[in-house]
Amino acid sequence: MNDDQLLRYSRHILLPEIGVEGQEAILAARVLVVGAGGLGSPAAMYLAAAGVGTLVLCDNDTVDLTNLQRQILHSAEGVGRLKVESGRDTLLRLNPFARVETLARRLEGEALDAQVAAADVVLDCSDNFATRHAINRACARYRKPLVSGAAIRFDGQVSVFDLRQAESPCYHCLFPEGQEIEEIRCAVMGVFAPLTGIIGATQAAEALKLLVGCGTTLDGRLLLLDGLSMEWRSVSLGRDPGCEVCGSRGEA
């Protein structure tokens, strides 16, 4: 680190759980963030501010006026622009040391596999089950830690699926693909603006802990937030030995 970086990240370096070695791990990291909306905005901003060396921001959508209530990566001047371009500009203003790669398309197939394989940590900030399951399968295949978040109305949830660990569950263990689960979108049901900030920031915190190797992550736990009562609840998650995605590591 140069003098500017030592000063910029000094409050991290002062933490014995992070220190110089941990901050250097953050600076050397590559993090994939899928979704540059309500969750991806605060997650990417905190990761960039913390010094993540390369952030890969993936979203095929453009900025809409209805996004601005909660998607803090974007501003009124960005309406109509690609979210990844608007987001990149915001992140570089926040931290010019950051390297931001943009993918203005829906990741799937070989392209998704390549990005997951290259990442140190993957953040699922998407808003649909098809994408979540595709990301989970790729993370299981390449044994990459996945930080998953969701927010709708006043309800949020976040978990870590550390697929480097043989005993860790995956997203499919929690929400089996093909199961009858109602998909609720904020465009129809609404979402409390600060809720996306709370969940997205929590995703960033978990990602940084994974990169540094400090503390206890949410691996094996689902953290649920009721934003109306501001009460958190933690639910233990177990791996499904018969899971078709992670039941046999390496065969996903």
C-alpha atoms as a PDB file:
ATOM      1  CA  MET A   1       0.000   0.000   0.000  1.00  0.00           C
ATOM      2  CA  ASN A   2       1.140   3.522  -0.710  1.00  0.00           C
ATOM      3  CA  ASP A   3       0.829   6.396   1.773  1.00  0.00           C
ATOM      4  CA  ASP A   4      -2.577   7.476   0.466  1.00  0.00           C
ATOM      5  CA  GLN A   5      -3.947   3.961   0.838  1.00  0.00           C
ATOM      6  CA  LEU A   6      -2.485   3.554   4.304  1.00  0.00           C
ATOM      7  CA  LEU A   7      -4.282   6.726   5.345  1.00  0.00           C
ATOM      8  CA  ARG A   8      -7.530   5.942   3.503  1.00  0.00           C
ATOM      9  CA  TYR A   9      -7.837   2.474   5.050  1.00  0.00           C
ATOM     10  CA  SER A  10      -6.302   3.352   8.425  1.00  0.00           C
ATOM     11  CA  ARG A  11      -9.502   2.692  10.370  1.00  0.00           C
ATOM     12  CA  HIS A  12      -9.535  -0.856   9.049  1.00  0.00           C
ATOM     13  CA  ILE A  13      -5.835  -1.300   9.686  1.00  0.00           C
ATOM     14  CA  LEU A  14      -6.337  -0.225  13.309  1.00  0.00           C
ATOM     15  CA  LEU A  15      -8.651  -3.186  13.853  1.00  0.00           C
ATOM     16  CA  PRO A  16      -6.541  -6.132  15.056  1.00  0.00           C
ATOM     17  CA  GLU A  17      -8.924  -8.543  13.305  1.00  0.00           C
ATOM     18  CA  ILE A  18      -8.045  -6.888   9.974  1.00  0.00           C
ATOM     19  CA  GLY A  19      -4.715  -5.070  10.228  1.00  0.00           C
ATOM     20  CA  VAL A  20      -2.364  -4.530   7.291  1.00  0.00           C
ATOM     21  CA  GLU A  21      -2.547  -8.171   6.182  1.00  0.00           C
ATOM     22  CA  GLY A  22      -6.338  -8.176   6.095  1.00  0.00           C
ATOM     23  CA  GLN A  23      -6.516  -4.893   4.235  1.00  0.00           C
ATOM     24  CA  GLU A  24      -4.047  -6.184   1.672  1.00  0.00           C
ATOM     25  CA  ALA A  25      -6.287  -9.234   1.190  1.00  0.00           C
ATOM     26  CA  ILE A  26      -9.201  -6.867   0.513  1.00  0.00           C
ATOM     27  CA  LEU A  27      -7.108  -4.863  -1.962  1.00  0.00           C
ATOM     28  CA  ALA A  28      -6.131  -8.050  -3.802  1.00  0.00           C
ATOM     29  CA  ALA A  29      -9.679  -9.428  -3.962  1.00  0.00           C
ATOM     30  CA  ARG A  30     -12.058  -9.801  -6.879  1.00  0.00           C
ATOM     31  CA  VAL A  31     -15.753  -9.669  -5.963  1.00  0.00           C
ATOM     32  CA  LEU A  32     -18.686 -10.352  -8.265  1.00  0.00           C
ATOM     33  CA  VAL A  33     -21.858  -8.372  -7.495  1.00  0.00           C
ATOM     34  CA  VAL A  34     -24.891  -9.565  -9.449  1.00  0.00           C
ATOM     35  CA  GLY A  35     -27.489  -6.815  -9.437  1.00  0.00           C
ATOM     36  CA  ALA A  36     -26.920  -3.052  -9.231  1.00  0.00           C
ATOM     37  CA  GLY A  37     -30.258  -2.196  -7.651  1.00  0.00           C
ATOM     38  CA  GLY A  38     -31.549  -1.855  -4.104  1.00  0.00           C
ATOM     39  CA  LEU A  39     -29.193  -4.425  -2.554  1.00  0.00           C
ATOM     40  CA  GLY A  40     -26.305  -4.117  -4.973  1.00  0.00           C
ATOM     41  CA  SER A  41     -26.098  -0.352  -4.461  1.00  0.00           C
ATOM     42  CA  PRO A  42     -25.106  -0.264  -0.762  1.00  0.00           C
ATOM     43  CA  ALA A  43     -23.176  -3.534  -1.048  1.00  0.00           C
ATOM     44  CA  ALA A  44     -21.015  -2.289  -3.925  1.00  0.00           C
ATOM     45  CA  MET A  45     -20.508   1.118  -2.325  1.00  0.00           C
ATOM     46  CA  TYR A  46     -19.236  -0.318   0.954  1.00  0.00           C
ATOM     47  CA  LEU A  47     -17.024  -2.822  -0.857  1.00  0.00           C
ATOM     48  CA  ALA A  48     -15.524  -0.087  -3.027  1.00  0.00           C
ATOM     49  CA  ALA A  49     -15.038   2.214  -0.039  1.00  0.00           C
ATOM     50  CA  ALA A  50     -13.369  -0.618   1.888  1.00  0.00           C
ATOM     51  CA  GLY A  51     -10.851  -1.066  -0.916  1.00  0.00           C
ATOM     52  CA  VAL A  52     -11.868  -4.230  -2.768  1.00  0.00           C
ATOM     53  CA  GLY A  53      -9.371  -4.340  -5.610  1.00  0.00           C
ATOM     54  CA  THR A  54     -11.700  -5.408  -8.421  1.00  0.00           C
ATOM     55  CA  LEU A  55     -15.476  -5.145  -8.327  1.00  0.00           C
ATOM     56  CA  VAL A  56     -17.397  -6.816 -11.144  1.00  0.00           C
ATOM     57  CA  LEU A  57     -20.823  -5.199 -11.408  1.00  0.00           C
ATOM     58  CA  CYS A  58     -23.403  -7.122 -13.420  1.00  0.00           C
ATOM     59  CA  ASP A  59     -26.869  -5.850 -14.387  1.00  0.00           C
ATOM     60  CA  ASN A  60     -28.647  -5.619 -17.746  1.00  0.00           C
ATOM     61  CA  ASP A  61     -31.170  -2.983 -16.656  1.00  0.00           C
ATOM     62  CA  THR A  62     -31.289   0.797 -17.047  1.00  0.00           C
ATOM     63  CA  VAL A  63     -31.946   3.382 -14.351  1.00  0.00           C
ATOM     64  CA  ASP A  64     -35.625   4.252 -13.925  1.00  0.00           C
ATOM     65  CA  LEU A  65     -37.119   7.087 -11.915  1.00  0.00           C
ATOM     66  CA  THR A  66     -38.818   4.551  -9.618  1.00  0.00           C
ATOM     67  CA  ASN A  67     -35.384   3.151  -8.677  1.00  0.00           C
ATOM     68  CA  LEU A  68     -34.152   6.353  -7.052  1.00  0.00           C
ATOM     69  CA  GLN A  69     -36.148   5.874  -3.832  1.00  0.00           C
ATOM     70  CA  ARG A  70     -33.709   3.138  -2.719  1.00  0.00           C
ATOM     71  CA  GLN A  71     -31.013   2.434  -5.334  1.00  0.00           C
ATOM     72  CA  ILE A  72     -28.392   4.836  -4.020  1.00  0.00           C
ATOM     73  CA  LEU A  73     -25.797   4.042  -6.693  1.00  0.00           C
ATOM     74  CA  HIS A  74     -27.895   6.114  -9.072  1.00  0.00           C
ATOM     75  CA  SER A  75     -29.146   9.690  -9.335  1.00  0.00           C
ATOM     76  CA  ALA A  76     -31.709  11.625 -11.347  1.00  0.00           C
ATOM     77  CA  GLU A  77     -29.022  12.482 -13.895  1.00  0.00           C
ATOM     78  CA  GLY A  78     -28.568   8.775 -14.548  1.00  0.00           C
ATOM     79  CA  VAL A  79     -32.152   7.975 -15.535  1.00  0.00           C
ATOM     80  CA  GLY A  80     -32.050   6.054 -18.795  1.00  0.00           C
ATOM     81  CA  ARG A  81     -28.400   5.029 -18.440  1.00  0.00           C
ATOM     82  CA  LEU A  82     -27.256   1.467 -17.937  1.00  0.00           C
ATOM     83  CA  LYS A  83     -27.142   0.734 -14.215  1.00  0.00           C
ATOM     84  CA  VAL A  84     -23.630  -0.694 -14.430  1.00  0.00           C
ATOM     85  CA  GLU A  85     -22.331   2.503 -16.059  1.00  0.00           C
ATOM     86  CA  SER A  86     -24.109   4.756 -13.586  1.00  0.00           C
ATOM     87  CA  GLY A  87     -22.893   2.531 -10.748  1.00  0.00           C
ATOM     88  CA  ARG A  88     -19.305   2.476 -11.989  1.00  0.00           C
ATOM     89  CA  ASP A  89     -19.175   6.278 -12.054  1.00  0.00           C
ATOM     90  CA  THR A  90     -20.512   6.479  -8.486  1.00  0.00           C
ATOM     91  CA  LEU A  91     -18.043   3.887  -7.197  1.00  0.00           C
ATOM     92  CA  LEU A  92     -15.053   5.587  -8.805  1.00  0.00           C
ATOM     93  CA  ARG A  93     -16.084   8.917  -7.327  1.00  0.00           C
ATOM     94  CA  LEU A  94     -16.262   7.184  -3.964  1.00  0.00           C
ATOM     95  CA  ASN A  95     -12.874   5.486  -4.339  1.00  0.00           C
ATOM     96  CA  PRO A  96     -10.643   6.264  -7.338  1.00  0.00           C
ATOM     97  CA  PHE A  97      -8.363   3.376  -6.299  1.00  0.00           C
ATOM     98  CA  ALA A  98     -11.121   0.873  -7.118  1.00  0.00           C
ATOM     99  CA  ARG A  99     -11.208  -1.072 -10.338  1.00  0.00           C
ATOM    100  CA  VAL A 100     -14.769  -1.589 -11.558  1.00  0.00           C
ATOM    101  CA  GLU A 101     -15.585  -3.981 -14.381  1.00  0.00           C
ATOM    102  CA  THR A 102     -19.083  -3.773 -15.836  1.00  0.00           C
ATOM    103  CA  LEU A 103     -21.242  -6.436 -17.453  1.00  0.00           C
ATOM    104  CA  ALA A 104     -24.399  -4.987 -18.962  1.00  0.00           C
ATOM    105  CA  ARG A 105     -26.041  -8.322 -19.608  1.00  0.00           C
ATOM    106  CA  ARG A 106     -27.748 -11.144 -17.796  1.00  0.00           C
ATOM    107  CA  LEU A 107     -25.102 -13.618 -16.707  1.00  0.00           C
ATOM    108  CA  GLU A 108     -25.840 -17.206 -17.634  1.00  0.00           C
ATOM    109  CA  GLY A 109     -24.179 -20.332 -18.936  1.00  0.00           C
ATOM    110  CA  GLU A 110     -20.459 -20.195 -19.656  1.00  0.00           C
ATOM    111  CA  ALA A 111     -20.264 -16.445 -18.994  1.00  0.00           C
ATOM    112  CA  LEU A 112     -21.643 -16.932 -15.480  1.00  0.00           C
ATOM    113  CA  ASP A 113     -19.305 -19.857 -14.869  1.00  0.00           C
ATOM    114  CA  ALA A 114     -16.290 -17.797 -15.946  1.00  0.00           C
ATOM    115  CA  GLN A 115     -17.133 -14.859 -13.685  1.00  0.00           C
ATOM    116  CA  VAL A 116     -17.851 -17.041 -10.656  1.00  0.00           C
ATOM    117  CA  ALA A 117     -14.678 -19.067 -11.190  1.00  0.00           C
ATOM    118  CA  ALA A 118     -12.611 -15.853 -11.264  1.00  0.00           C
ATOM    119  CA  ALA A 119     -14.202 -14.317  -8.145  1.00  0.00           C
ATOM    120  CA  ASP A 120     -13.085 -14.653  -4.544  1.00  0.00           C
ATOM    121  CA  VAL A 121     -16.604 -13.954  -3.240  1.00  0.00           C
ATOM    122  CA  VAL A 122     -19.962 -13.681  -5.038  1.00  0.00           C
ATOM    123  CA  LEU A 123     -22.819 -11.433  -3.897  1.00  0.00           C
ATOM    124  CA  ASP A 124     -26.300 -12.307  -5.101  1.00  0.00           C
ATOM    125  CA  CYS A 125     -28.195  -9.021  -5.141  1.00  0.00           C
ATOM    126  CA  SER A 126     -30.640 -10.156  -7.818  1.00  0.00           C
ATOM    127  CA  ASP A 127     -34.418 -10.119  -7.620  1.00  0.00           C
ATOM    128  CA  ASN A 128     -35.584 -13.424  -9.106  1.00  0.00           C
ATOM    129  CA  PHE A 129     -35.307 -17.101  -8.251  1.00  0.00           C
ATOM    130  CA  ALA A 130     -34.007 -18.204 -11.664  1.00  0.00           C
ATOM    131  CA  THR A 131     -30.928 -16.004 -11.331  1.00  0.00           C
ATOM    132  CA  ARG A 132     -30.404 -16.958  -7.683  1.00  0.00           C
ATOM    133  CA  HIS A 133     -30.431 -20.653  -8.491  1.00  0.00           C
ATOM    134  CA  ALA A 134     -28.107 -20.209 -11.483  1.00  0.00           C
ATOM    135  CA  ILE A 135     -25.619 -18.297  -9.302  1.00  0.00           C
ATOM    136  CA  ASN A 136     -25.880 -20.936  -6.579  1.00  0.00           C
ATOM    137  CA  ARG A 137     -25.171 -23.770  -9.015  1.00  0.00           C
ATOM    138  CA  ALA A 138     -22.093 -21.972 -10.337  1.00  0.00           C
ATOM    139  CA  CYS A 139     -20.819 -21.233  -6.815  1.00  0.00           C
ATOM    140  CA  ALA A 140     -21.296 -24.891  -5.849  1.00  0.00           C
ATOM    141  CA  ARG A 141     -19.499 -26.015  -8.990  1.00  0.00           C
ATOM    142  CA  TYR A 142     -16.460 -23.811  -8.330  1.00  0.00           C
ATOM    143  CA  ARG A 143     -16.702 -23.894  -4.507  1.00  0.00           C
ATOM    144  CA  LYS A 144     -17.003 -20.146  -4.122  1.00  0.00           C
ATOM    145  CA  PRO A 145     -18.551 -18.427  -1.085  1.00  0.00           C
ATOM    146  CA  LEU A 146     -21.932 -16.884  -1.860  1.00  0.00           C
ATOM    147  CA  VAL A 147     -23.523 -14.022   0.067  1.00  0.00           C
ATOM    148  CA  SER A 148     -27.249 -13.943  -0.636  1.00  0.00           C
ATOM    149  CA  GLY A 149     -29.711 -11.191   0.255  1.00  0.00           C
ATOM    150  CA  ALA A 150     -33.351 -10.345  -0.383  1.00  0.00           C
ATOM    151  CA  ALA A 151     -35.693  -7.506   0.572  1.00  0.00           C
ATOM    152  CA  ILE A 152     -39.399  -6.967  -0.085  1.00  0.00           C
ATOM    153  CA  ARG A 153     -41.978  -4.800   1.640  1.00  0.00           C
ATOM    154  CA  PHE A 154     -40.607  -4.532   5.223  1.00  0.00           C
ATOM    155  CA  ASP A 155     -38.959  -7.981   5.266  1.00  0.00           C
ATOM    156  CA  GLY A 156     -35.305  -8.738   4.625  1.00  0.00           C
ATOM    157  CA  GLN A 157     -33.081 -11.773   4.761  1.00  0.00           C
ATOM    158  CA  VAL A 158     -29.384 -12.487   4.330  1.00  0.00           C
ATOM    159  CA  SER A 159     -27.240 -15.603   4.505  1.00  0.00           C
ATOM    160  CA  VAL A 160     -23.833 -16.934   3.542  1.00  0.00           C
ATOM    161  CA  PHE A 161     -23.357 -20.201   1.697  1.00  0.00           C
ATOM    162  CA  ASP A 162     -19.633 -20.917   2.026  1.00  0.00           C
ATOM    163  CA  LEU A 163     -19.359 -23.634  -0.548  1.00  0.00           C
ATOM    164  CA  ARG A 164     -15.661 -24.108   0.164  1.00  0.00           C
ATOM    165  CA  GLN A 165     -16.776 -25.999   3.264  1.00  0.00           C
ATOM    166  CA  ALA A 166     -18.027 -29.571   2.840  1.00  0.00           C
ATOM    167  CA  GLU A 167     -20.650 -29.218   5.582  1.00  0.00           C
ATOM    168  CA  SER A 168     -22.134 -25.918   4.403  1.00  0.00           C
ATOM    169  CA  PRO A 169     -25.619 -25.803   2.882  1.00  0.00           C
ATOM    170  CA  CYS A 170     -26.327 -24.105  -0.422  1.00  0.00           C
ATOM    171  CA  TYR A 171     -29.208 -21.889  -1.546  1.00  0.00           C
ATOM    172  CA  HIS A 172     -30.956 -24.904  -3.079  1.00  0.00           C
ATOM    173  CA  CYS A 173     -30.970 -26.628   0.333  1.00  0.00           C
ATOM    174  CA  LEU A 174     -33.017 -23.677   1.647  1.00  0.00           C
ATOM    175  CA  PHE A 175     -35.203 -23.004  -1.406  1.00  0.00           C
ATOM    176  CA  PRO A 176     -35.262 -26.088  -3.666  1.00  0.00           C
ATOM    177  CA  GLU A 177     -35.560 -25.171  -7.324  1.00  0.00           C
ATOM    178  CA  GLY A 178     -38.957 -26.046  -8.733  1.00  0.00           C
ATOM    179  CA  GLN A 179     -40.629 -25.769  -5.346  1.00  0.00           C
ATOM    180  CA  GLU A 180     -43.860 -23.785  -5.339  1.00  0.00           C
ATOM    181  CA  ILE A 181     -42.613 -20.450  -3.988  1.00  0.00           C
ATOM    182  CA  GLU A 182     -44.443 -17.263  -4.801  1.00  0.00           C
ATOM    183  CA  GLU A 183     -42.100 -14.783  -6.459  1.00  0.00           C
ATOM    184  CA  ILE A 184     -42.879 -11.311  -5.138  1.00  0.00           C
ATOM    185  CA  ARG A 185     -41.365  -8.254  -6.793  1.00  0.00           C
ATOM    186  CA  CYS A 186     -41.018  -4.788  -5.325  1.00  0.00           C
ATOM    187  CA  ALA A 187     -42.517  -3.306  -8.513  1.00  0.00           C
ATOM    188  CA  VAL A 188     -45.823  -4.864  -7.420  1.00  0.00           C
ATOM    189  CA  MET A 189     -45.579  -5.096  -3.620  1.00  0.00           C
ATOM    190  CA  GLY A 190     -43.268  -2.196  -2.774  1.00  0.00           C
ATOM    191  CA  VAL A 191     -40.158  -2.088  -0.587  1.00  0.00           C
ATOM    192  CA  PHE A 192     -39.124   0.048   2.380  1.00  0.00           C
ATOM    193  CA  ALA A 193     -36.141   2.075   1.158  1.00  0.00           C
ATOM    194  CA  PRO A 194     -33.807   1.757   4.189  1.00  0.00           C
ATOM    195  CA  LEU A 195     -34.404  -2.007   4.311  1.00  0.00           C
ATOM    196  CA  THR A 196     -32.382  -2.476   1.123  1.00  0.00           C
ATOM    197  CA  GLY A 197     -29.572  -0.462   2.684  1.00  0.00           C
ATOM    198  CA  ILE A 198     -29.539  -2.582   5.834  1.00  0.00           C
ATOM    199  CA  ILE A 199     -29.503  -5.892   3.962  1.00  0.00           C
ATOM    200  CA  GLY A 200     -27.064  -4.738   1.282  1.00  0.00           C
ATOM    201  CA  ALA A 201     -24.648  -3.352   3.886  1.00  0.00           C
ATOM    202  CA  THR A 202     -24.879  -6.643   5.781  1.00  0.00           C
ATOM    203  CA  GLN A 203     -23.964  -8.485   2.576  1.00  0.00           C
ATOM    204  CA  ALA A 204     -20.914  -6.241   2.207  1.00  0.00           C
ATOM    205  CA  ALA A 205     -19.902  -6.911   5.822  1.00  0.00           C
ATOM    206  CA  GLU A 206     -20.139 -10.667   5.335  1.00  0.00           C
ATOM    207  CA  ALA A 207     -18.150 -10.471   2.104  1.00  0.00           C
ATOM    208  CA  LEU A 208     -15.354  -8.509   3.781  1.00  0.00           C
ATOM    209  CA  LYS A 209     -15.226 -10.984   6.679  1.00  0.00           C
ATOM    210  CA  LEU A 210     -14.892 -13.819   4.170  1.00  0.00           C
ATOM    211  CA  LEU A 211     -12.063 -12.033   2.355  1.00  0.00           C
ATOM    212  CA  VAL A 212     -10.176 -11.237   5.551  1.00  0.00           C
ATOM    213  CA  GLY A 213     -11.023 -14.473   7.366  1.00  0.00           C
ATOM    214  CA  CYS A 214     -12.178 -12.764  10.532  1.00  0.00           C
ATOM    215  CA  GLY A 215     -15.149 -13.284  12.820  1.00  0.00           C
ATOM    216  CA  THR A 216     -18.015 -15.703  12.323  1.00  0.00           C
ATOM    217  CA  THR A 217     -19.975 -15.423   9.097  1.00  0.00           C
ATOM    218  CA  LEU A 218     -23.623 -16.235   8.466  1.00  0.00           C
ATOM    219  CA  ASP A 219     -22.657 -19.565   6.938  1.00  0.00           C
ATOM    220  CA  GLY A 220     -25.289 -22.068   8.085  1.00  0.00           C
ATOM    221  CA  ARG A 221     -27.595 -19.321   9.329  1.00  0.00           C
ATOM    222  CA  LEU A 222     -30.411 -17.301   7.784  1.00  0.00           C
ATOM    223  CA  LEU A 223     -30.772 -13.844   9.301  1.00  0.00           C
ATOM    224  CA  LEU A 224     -34.309 -12.443   9.032  1.00  0.00           C
ATOM    225  CA  LEU A 225     -35.271  -8.812   9.615  1.00  0.00           C
ATOM    226  CA  ASP A 226     -38.762  -7.503  10.302  1.00  0.00           C
ATOM    227  CA  GLY A 227     -38.337  -3.845   9.423  1.00  0.00           C
ATOM    228  CA  LEU A 228     -41.654  -2.808  10.964  1.00  0.00           C
ATOM    229  CA  SER A 229     -40.728  -4.024  14.442  1.00  0.00           C
ATOM    230  CA  MET A 230     -36.959  -3.787  13.770  1.00  0.00           C
ATOM    231  CA  GLU A 231     -36.449  -7.270  15.140  1.00  0.00           C
ATOM    232  CA  TRP A 232     -33.836  -9.718  13.907  1.00  0.00           C
ATOM    233  CA  ARG A 233     -34.242 -13.474  13.988  1.00  0.00           C
ATOM    234  CA  SER A 234     -31.558 -16.073  13.261  1.00  0.00           C
ATOM    235  CA  VAL A 235     -32.488 -19.490  11.876  1.00  0.00           C
ATOM    236  CA  SER A 236     -29.989 -22.359  11.691  1.00  0.00           C
ATOM    237  CA  LEU A 237     -29.630 -24.001   8.301  1.00  0.00           C
ATOM    238  CA  GLY A 238     -28.509 -27.564   7.683  1.00  0.00           C
ATOM    239  CA  ARG A 239     -27.104 -29.037   4.526  1.00  0.00           C
ATOM    240  CA  ASP A 240     -29.436 -31.387   2.680  1.00  0.00           C
ATOM    241  CA  PRO A 241     -27.371 -34.534   2.012  1.00  0.00           C
ATOM    242  CA  GLY A 242     -29.697 -35.331  -0.865  1.00  0.00           C
ATOM    243  CA  CYS A 243     -29.413 -31.874  -2.447  1.00  0.00           C
ATOM    244  CA  GLU A 244     -29.020 -32.220  -6.204  1.00  0.00           C
ATOM    245  CA  VAL A 245     -26.743 -29.146  -6.292  1.00  0.00           C
ATOM    246  CA  CYS A 246     -24.377 -29.578  -3.341  1.00  0.00           C
ATOM    247  CA  GLY A 247     -25.091 -33.149  -2.233  1.00  0.00           C
ATOM    248  CA  SER A 248     -21.889 -34.261  -3.939  1.00  0.00           C
ATOM    249  CA  ARG A 249     -19.337 -31.472  -3.963  1.00  0.00           C
ATOM    250  CA  GLY A 250     -17.583 -31.281  -7.304  1.00  0.00           C
ATOM    251  CA  GLU A 251     -20.483 -32.901  -9.196  1.00  0.00           C
ATOM    252  CA  ALA A 252     -22.800 -29.877  -9.097  1.00  0.00           C
END
